[in-house]
Amino acid sequence: MRKHYDFAKMKGKRNPYLKALKQPVTMRLDKQTVAYFKSLAAELGMPYQNLINLYLRDCVLNGKKLTLKWAS
């Protein structure tokens, strides 16, 4: 490998899809839910935010819907 590379001559382009890849979102989750995903993520060796994203993406791809029944 060379000791020095001249990147000034390169005409690199930024990824045009970069902003569409991930969107920062603030969510308020209860402590037990966060603890669950953190412990599961630690077992898998990945960040818990990525694990939550994968779980939610699976819900979207499989069309899972939550059924809520409120007590009257």
PDB file of N, CA and C in Angstrom:
ATOM      1  N   MET A   1       0.835  -1.190   0.000  1.00  0.00           N
ATOM      2  CA  MET A   1       0.000   0.000   0.000  1.00  0.00           C
ATOM      3  C   MET A   1       0.875   1.246   0.000  1.00  0.00           C
ATOM      4  N   ARG A   2       0.354   2.278  -0.569  1.00  0.00           N
ATOM      5  CA  ARG A   2       1.072   3.544  -0.573  1.00  0.00           C
ATOM      6  C   ARG A   2       1.007   4.188   0.804  1.00  0.00           C
ATOM      7  N   LYS A   3       2.019   4.978   1.117  1.00  0.00           N
ATOM      8  CA  LYS A   3       2.023   5.708   2.387  1.00  0.00           C
ATOM      9  C   LYS A   3       1.076   6.900   2.326  1.00  0.00           C
ATOM     10  N   HIS A   4       0.824   7.428   1.105  1.00  0.00           N
ATOM     11  CA  HIS A   4      -0.015   8.613   0.971  1.00  0.00           C
ATOM     12  C   HIS A   4      -0.923   8.443  -0.246  1.00  0.00           C
ATOM     13  N   TYR A   5      -2.173   8.731  -0.066  1.00  0.00           N
ATOM     14  CA  TYR A   5      -3.129   8.705  -1.167  1.00  0.00           C
ATOM     15  C   TYR A   5      -3.660  10.108  -1.371  1.00  0.00           C
ATOM     16  N   ASP A   6      -3.817  10.512  -2.641  1.00  0.00           N
ATOM     17  CA  ASP A   6      -4.329  11.836  -2.969  1.00  0.00           C
ATOM     18  C   ASP A   6      -5.791  11.698  -3.373  1.00  0.00           C
ATOM     19  N   PHE A   7      -6.679  12.042  -2.449  1.00  0.00           N
ATOM     20  CA  PHE A   7      -8.107  11.936  -2.715  1.00  0.00           C
ATOM     21  C   PHE A   7      -8.668  13.192  -3.361  1.00  0.00           C
ATOM     22  N   ALA A   8      -7.852  14.210  -3.554  1.00  0.00           N
ATOM     23  CA  ALA A   8      -8.316  15.455  -4.156  1.00  0.00           C
ATOM     24  C   ALA A   8      -8.726  15.247  -5.607  1.00  0.00           C
ATOM     25  N   LYS A   9      -8.105  14.307  -6.285  1.00  0.00           N
ATOM     26  CA  LYS A   9      -8.398  14.065  -7.696  1.00  0.00           C
ATOM     27  C   LYS A   9      -9.630  13.177  -7.884  1.00  0.00           C
ATOM     28  N   MET A  10     -10.045  12.499  -6.842  1.00  0.00           N
ATOM     29  CA  MET A  10     -11.184  11.596  -6.961  1.00  0.00           C
ATOM     30  C   MET A  10     -12.485  12.392  -6.957  1.00  0.00           C
ATOM     31  N   LYS A  11     -13.417  11.953  -7.746  1.00  0.00           N
ATOM     32  CA  LYS A  11     -14.709  12.631  -7.822  1.00  0.00           C
ATOM     33  C   LYS A  11     -15.758  11.737  -7.162  1.00  0.00           C
ATOM     34  N   GLY A  12     -15.623  11.575  -5.873  1.00  0.00           N
ATOM     35  CA  GLY A  12     -16.572  10.741  -5.132  1.00  0.00           C
ATOM     36  C   GLY A  12     -17.888  11.448  -4.929  1.00  0.00           C
ATOM     37  N   LYS A  13     -18.939  10.674  -4.841  1.00  0.00           N
ATOM     38  CA  LYS A  13     -20.267  11.223  -4.612  1.00  0.00           C
ATOM     39  C   LYS A  13     -20.788  10.693  -3.286  1.00  0.00           C
ATOM     40  N   ARG A  14     -21.567  11.506  -2.610  1.00  0.00           N
ATOM     41  CA  ARG A  14     -22.215  11.070  -1.380  1.00  0.00           C
ATOM     42  C   ARG A  14     -23.361  10.126  -1.738  1.00  0.00           C
ATOM     43  N   ASN A  15     -23.688   9.261  -0.807  1.00  0.00           N
ATOM     44  CA  ASN A  15     -24.789   8.337  -1.005  1.00  0.00           C
ATOM     45  C   ASN A  15     -26.097   9.121  -1.065  1.00  0.00           C
ATOM     46  N   PRO A  16     -26.814   9.084  -2.193  1.00  0.00           N
ATOM     47  CA  PRO A  16     -28.065   9.855  -2.294  1.00  0.00           C
ATOM     48  C   PRO A  16     -29.190   9.277  -1.431  1.00  0.00           C
ATOM     49  N   TYR A  17     -29.037   8.055  -0.979  1.00  0.00           N
ATOM     50  CA  TYR A  17     -30.071   7.404  -0.172  1.00  0.00           C
ATOM     51  C   TYR A  17     -29.774   7.467   1.319  1.00  0.00           C
ATOM     52  N   LEU A  18     -28.721   8.181   1.690  1.00  0.00           N
ATOM     53  CA  LEU A  18     -28.274   8.206   3.074  1.00  0.00           C
ATOM     54  C   LEU A  18     -29.363   8.684   4.030  1.00  0.00           C
ATOM     55  N   LYS A  19     -30.066   9.743   3.678  1.00  0.00           N
ATOM     56  CA  LYS A  19     -31.098  10.280   4.563  1.00  0.00           C
ATOM     57  C   LYS A  19     -32.304   9.353   4.662  1.00  0.00           C
ATOM     58  N   ALA A  20     -32.537   8.531   3.641  1.00  0.00           N
ATOM     59  CA  ALA A  20     -33.687   7.645   3.650  1.00  0.00           C
ATOM     60  C   ALA A  20     -33.409   6.336   4.385  1.00  0.00           C
ATOM     61  N   LEU A  21     -32.167   6.067   4.721  1.00  0.00           N
ATOM     62  CA  LEU A  21     -31.838   4.791   5.345  1.00  0.00           C
ATOM     63  C   LEU A  21     -32.376   4.676   6.763  1.00  0.00           C
ATOM     64  N   LYS A  22     -32.120   5.647   7.590  1.00  0.00           N
ATOM     65  CA  LYS A  22     -32.590   5.617   8.975  1.00  0.00           C
ATOM     66  C   LYS A  22     -33.108   6.994   9.352  1.00  0.00           C
ATOM     67  N   GLN A  23     -34.111   7.009  10.208  1.00  0.00           N
ATOM     68  CA  GLN A  23     -34.681   8.261  10.689  1.00  0.00           C
ATOM     69  C   GLN A  23     -34.611   8.269  12.203  1.00  0.00           C
ATOM     70  N   PRO A  24     -33.993   9.277  12.788  1.00  0.00           N
ATOM     71  CA  PRO A  24     -33.958   9.333  14.252  1.00  0.00           C
ATOM     72  C   PRO A  24     -35.352   9.619  14.803  1.00  0.00           C
ATOM     73  N   VAL A  25     -35.723   8.837  15.832  1.00  0.00           N
ATOM     74  CA  VAL A  25     -37.043   8.967  16.445  1.00  0.00           C
ATOM     75  C   VAL A  25     -36.879   8.911  17.957  1.00  0.00           C
ATOM     76  N   THR A  26     -37.606   9.753  18.648  1.00  0.00           N
ATOM     77  CA  THR A  26     -37.612   9.705  20.103  1.00  0.00           C
ATOM     78  C   THR A  26     -38.854   8.945  20.542  1.00  0.00           C
ATOM     79  N   MET A  27     -38.639   7.907  21.337  1.00  0.00           N
ATOM     80  CA  MET A  27     -39.750   7.100  21.831  1.00  0.00           C
ATOM     81  C   MET A  27     -39.649   6.994  23.344  1.00  0.00           C
ATOM     82  N   ARG A  28     -40.781   6.936  23.987  1.00  0.00           N
ATOM     83  CA  ARG A  28     -40.813   6.750  25.440  1.00  0.00           C
ATOM     84  C   ARG A  28     -41.262   5.327  25.699  1.00  0.00           C
ATOM     85  N   LEU A  29     -40.322   4.488  26.156  1.00  0.00           N
ATOM     86  CA  LEU A  29     -40.596   3.085  26.427  1.00  0.00           C
ATOM     87  C   LEU A  29     -40.467   2.831  27.916  1.00  0.00           C
ATOM     88  N   ASP A  30     -41.258   1.888  28.429  1.00  0.00           N
ATOM     89  CA  ASP A  30     -41.146   1.593  29.847  1.00  0.00           C
ATOM     90  C   ASP A  30     -39.835   0.845  30.125  1.00  0.00           C
ATOM     91  N   LYS A  31     -39.397   0.906  31.375  1.00  0.00           N
ATOM     92  CA  LYS A  31     -38.101   0.362  31.765  1.00  0.00           C
ATOM     93  C   LYS A  31     -37.997  -1.132  31.503  1.00  0.00           C
ATOM     94  N   GLN A  32     -39.095  -1.867  31.724  1.00  0.00           N
ATOM     95  CA  GLN A  32     -39.053  -3.313  31.527  1.00  0.00           C
ATOM     96  C   GLN A  32     -38.839  -3.678  30.064  1.00  0.00           C
ATOM     97  N   THR A  33     -39.445  -2.920  29.165  1.00  0.00           N
ATOM     98  CA  THR A  33     -39.284  -3.186  27.735  1.00  0.00           C
ATOM     99  C   THR A  33     -37.851  -2.928  27.306  1.00  0.00           C
ATOM    100  N   VAL A  34     -37.287  -1.820  27.743  1.00  0.00           N
ATOM    101  CA  VAL A  34     -35.900  -1.488  27.398  1.00  0.00           C
ATOM    102  C   VAL A  34     -34.950  -2.530  27.989  1.00  0.00           C
ATOM    103  N   ALA A  35     -35.186  -2.922  29.225  1.00  0.00           N
ATOM    104  CA  ALA A  35     -34.337  -3.929  29.867  1.00  0.00           C
ATOM    105  C   ALA A  35     -34.398  -5.255  29.117  1.00  0.00           C
ATOM    106  N   TYR A  36     -35.588  -5.640  28.668  1.00  0.00           N
ATOM    107  CA  TYR A  36     -35.748  -6.883  27.916  1.00  0.00           C
ATOM    108  C   TYR A  36     -34.912  -6.850  26.638  1.00  0.00           C
ATOM    109  N   PHE A  37     -35.066  -5.781  25.856  1.00  0.00           N
ATOM    110  CA  PHE A  37     -34.334  -5.694  24.593  1.00  0.00           C
ATOM    111  C   PHE A  37     -32.831  -5.544  24.825  1.00  0.00           C
ATOM    112  N   LYS A  38     -32.433  -4.854  25.882  1.00  0.00           N
ATOM    113  CA  LYS A  38     -31.005  -4.726  26.184  1.00  0.00           C
ATOM    114  C   LYS A  38     -30.396  -6.076  26.538  1.00  0.00           C
ATOM    115  N   SER A  39     -31.099  -6.869  27.349  1.00  0.00           N
ATOM    116  CA  SER A  39     -30.558  -8.178  27.729  1.00  0.00           C
ATOM    117  C   SER A  39     -30.506  -9.117  26.534  1.00  0.00           C
ATOM    118  N   LEU A  40     -31.541  -9.090  25.698  1.00  0.00           N
ATOM    119  CA  LEU A  40     -31.565  -9.925  24.506  1.00  0.00           C
ATOM    120  C   LEU A  40     -30.471  -9.495  23.528  1.00  0.00           C
ATOM    121  N   ALA A  41     -30.285  -8.194  23.386  1.00  0.00           N
ATOM    122  CA  ALA A  41     -29.257  -7.673  22.486  1.00  0.00           C
ATOM    123  C   ALA A  41     -27.861  -8.036  22.992  1.00  0.00           C
ATOM    124  N   ALA A  42     -27.663  -8.027  24.306  1.00  0.00           N
ATOM    125  CA  ALA A  42     -26.368  -8.403  24.873  1.00  0.00           C
ATOM    126  C   ALA A  42     -26.051  -9.863  24.567  1.00  0.00           C
ATOM    127  N   GLU A  43     -27.067 -10.732  24.637  1.00  0.00           N
ATOM    128  CA  GLU A  43     -26.875 -12.143  24.292  1.00  0.00           C
ATOM    129  C   GLU A  43     -26.478 -12.308  22.835  1.00  0.00           C
ATOM    130  N   LEU A  44     -27.063 -11.480  21.976  1.00  0.00           N
ATOM    131  CA  LEU A  44     -26.808 -11.581  20.538  1.00  0.00           C
ATOM    132  C   LEU A  44     -25.582 -10.790  20.105  1.00  0.00           C
ATOM    133  N   GLY A  45     -25.084  -9.902  20.975  1.00  0.00           N
ATOM    134  CA  GLY A  45     -23.911  -9.092  20.641  1.00  0.00           C
ATOM    135  C   GLY A  45     -24.204  -7.994  19.643  1.00  0.00           C
ATOM    136  N   MET A  46     -25.324  -7.326  19.835  1.00  0.00           N
ATOM    137  CA  MET A  46     -25.688  -6.231  18.932  1.00  0.00           C
ATOM    138  C   MET A  46     -26.330  -5.111  19.739  1.00  0.00           C
ATOM    139  N   PRO A  47     -26.372  -3.882  19.208  1.00  0.00           N
ATOM    140  CA  PRO A  47     -27.024  -2.773  19.914  1.00  0.00           C
ATOM    141  C   PRO A  47     -28.533  -3.024  20.044  1.00  0.00           C
ATOM    142  N   TYR A  48     -29.081  -2.654  21.197  1.00  0.00           N
ATOM    143  CA  TYR A  48     -30.503  -2.913  21.429  1.00  0.00           C
ATOM    144  C   TYR A  48     -31.400  -2.104  20.500  1.00  0.00           C
ATOM    145  N   GLN A  49     -30.945  -0.925  20.069  1.00  0.00           N
ATOM    146  CA  GLN A  49     -31.757  -0.132  19.144  1.00  0.00           C
ATOM    147  C   GLN A  49     -31.921  -0.874  17.811  1.00  0.00           C
ATOM    148  N   ASN A  50     -30.850  -1.540  17.359  1.00  0.00           N
ATOM    149  CA  ASN A  50     -30.934  -2.312  16.120  1.00  0.00           C
ATOM    150  C   ASN A  50     -31.893  -3.488  16.281  1.00  0.00           C
ATOM    151  N   LEU A  51     -31.872  -4.107  17.450  1.00  0.00           N
ATOM    152  CA  LEU A  51     -32.768  -5.232  17.708  1.00  0.00           C
ATOM    153  C   LEU A  51     -34.227  -4.775  17.691  1.00  0.00           C
ATOM    154  N   ILE A  52     -34.517  -3.649  18.311  1.00  0.00           N
ATOM    155  CA  ILE A  52     -35.885  -3.110  18.298  1.00  0.00           C
ATOM    156  C   ILE A  52     -36.294  -2.790  16.866  1.00  0.00           C
ATOM    157  N   ASN A  53     -35.383  -2.213  16.077  1.00  0.00           N
ATOM    158  CA  ASN A  53     -35.673  -1.902  14.682  1.00  0.00           C
ATOM    159  C   ASN A  53     -35.964  -3.176  13.886  1.00  0.00           C
ATOM    160  N   LEU A  54     -35.176  -4.230  14.110  1.00  0.00           N
ATOM    161  CA  LEU A  54     -35.409  -5.494  13.409  1.00  0.00           C
ATOM    162  C   LEU A  54     -36.764  -6.089  13.779  1.00  0.00           C
ATOM    163  N   TYR A  55     -37.125  -6.011  15.054  1.00  0.00           N
ATOM    164  CA  TYR A  55     -38.418  -6.537  15.504  1.00  0.00           C
ATOM    165  C   TYR A  55     -39.561  -5.761  14.851  1.00  0.00           C
ATOM    166  N   LEU A  56     -39.466  -4.441  14.855  1.00  0.00           N
ATOM    167  CA  LEU A  56     -40.527  -3.628  14.251  1.00  0.00           C
ATOM    168  C   LEU A  56     -40.601  -3.841  12.743  1.00  0.00           C
ATOM    169  N   ARG A  57     -39.445  -4.001  12.102  1.00  0.00           N
ATOM    170  CA  ARG A  57     -39.431  -4.249  10.659  1.00  0.00           C
ATOM    171  C   ARG A  57     -40.109  -5.588  10.344  1.00  0.00           C
ATOM    172  N   ASP A  58     -39.864  -6.607  11.194  1.00  0.00           N
ATOM    173  CA  ASP A  58     -40.511  -7.894  11.018  1.00  0.00           C
ATOM    174  C   ASP A  58     -42.024  -7.755  11.130  1.00  0.00           C
ATOM    175  N   CYS A  59     -42.473  -6.936  12.065  1.00  0.00           N
ATOM    176  CA  CYS A  59     -43.912  -6.675  12.200  1.00  0.00           C
ATOM    177  C   CYS A  59     -44.473  -6.060  10.927  1.00  0.00           C
ATOM    178  N   VAL A  60     -43.750  -5.122  10.356  1.00  0.00           N
ATOM    179  CA  VAL A  60     -44.204  -4.449   9.139  1.00  0.00           C
ATOM    180  C   VAL A  60     -44.245  -5.425   7.966  1.00  0.00           C
ATOM    181  N   LEU A  61     -43.162  -6.181   7.784  1.00  0.00           N
ATOM    182  CA  LEU A  61     -43.074  -7.091   6.641  1.00  0.00           C
ATOM    183  C   LEU A  61     -44.110  -8.209   6.705  1.00  0.00           C
ATOM    184  N   ASN A  62     -44.457  -8.640   7.900  1.00  0.00           N
ATOM    185  CA  ASN A  62     -45.425  -9.727   8.065  1.00  0.00           C
ATOM    186  C   ASN A  62     -46.839  -9.232   8.343  1.00  0.00           C
ATOM    187  N   GLY A  63     -47.031  -7.931   8.332  1.00  0.00           N
ATOM    188  CA  GLY A  63     -48.360  -7.352   8.515  1.00  0.00           C
ATOM    189  C   GLY A  63     -48.962  -7.627   9.885  1.00  0.00           C
ATOM    190  N   LYS A  64     -48.098  -7.714  10.902  1.00  0.00           N
ATOM    191  CA  LYS A  64     -48.603  -7.969  12.253  1.00  0.00           C
ATOM    192  C   LYS A  64     -49.308  -6.729  12.779  1.00  0.00           C
ATOM    193  N   LYS A  65     -50.450  -6.965  13.430  1.00  0.00           N
ATOM    194  CA  LYS A  65     -51.203  -5.863  14.019  1.00  0.00           C
ATOM    195  C   LYS A  65     -51.532  -6.221  15.452  1.00  0.00           C
ATOM    196  N   LEU A  66     -51.469  -5.244  16.310  1.00  0.00           N
ATOM    197  CA  LEU A  66     -51.776  -5.428  17.714  1.00  0.00           C
ATOM    198  C   LEU A  66     -53.273  -5.282  17.918  1.00  0.00           C
ATOM    199  N   THR A  67     -53.878  -6.224  18.621  1.00  0.00           N
ATOM    200  CA  THR A  67     -55.295  -6.155  18.924  1.00  0.00           C
ATOM    201  C   THR A  67     -55.446  -5.694  20.367  1.00  0.00           C
ATOM    202  N   LEU A  68     -56.048  -4.538  20.537  1.00  0.00           N
ATOM    203  CA  LEU A  68     -56.246  -3.981  21.868  1.00  0.00           C
ATOM    204  C   LEU A  68     -57.709  -4.118  22.262  1.00  0.00           C
ATOM    205  N   LYS A  69     -57.938  -4.602  23.458  1.00  0.00           N
ATOM    206  CA  LYS A  69     -59.290  -4.687  23.990  1.00  0.00           C
ATOM    207  C   LYS A  69     -59.316  -3.932  25.302  1.00  0.00           C
ATOM    208  N   TRP A  70     -59.999  -2.798  25.302  1.00  0.00           N
ATOM    209  CA  TRP A  70     -60.070  -1.961  26.496  1.00  0.00           C
ATOM    210  C   TRP A  70     -61.226  -2.423  27.367  1.00  0.00           C
ATOM    211  N   ALA A  71     -60.962  -2.526  28.651  1.00  0.00           N
ATOM    212  CA  ALA A  71     -62.016  -2.892  29.589  1.00  0.00           C
ATOM    213  C   ALA A  71     -62.962  -1.707  29.769  1.00  0.00           C
ATOM    214  N   SER A  72     -64.249  -2.002  29.780  1.00  0.00           N
ATOM    215  CA  SER A  72     -65.207  -0.898  29.914  1.00  0.00           C
ATOM    216  C   SER A  72     -65.574  -0.660  31.358  1.00  0.00           C
TER     217      SER A  72
END
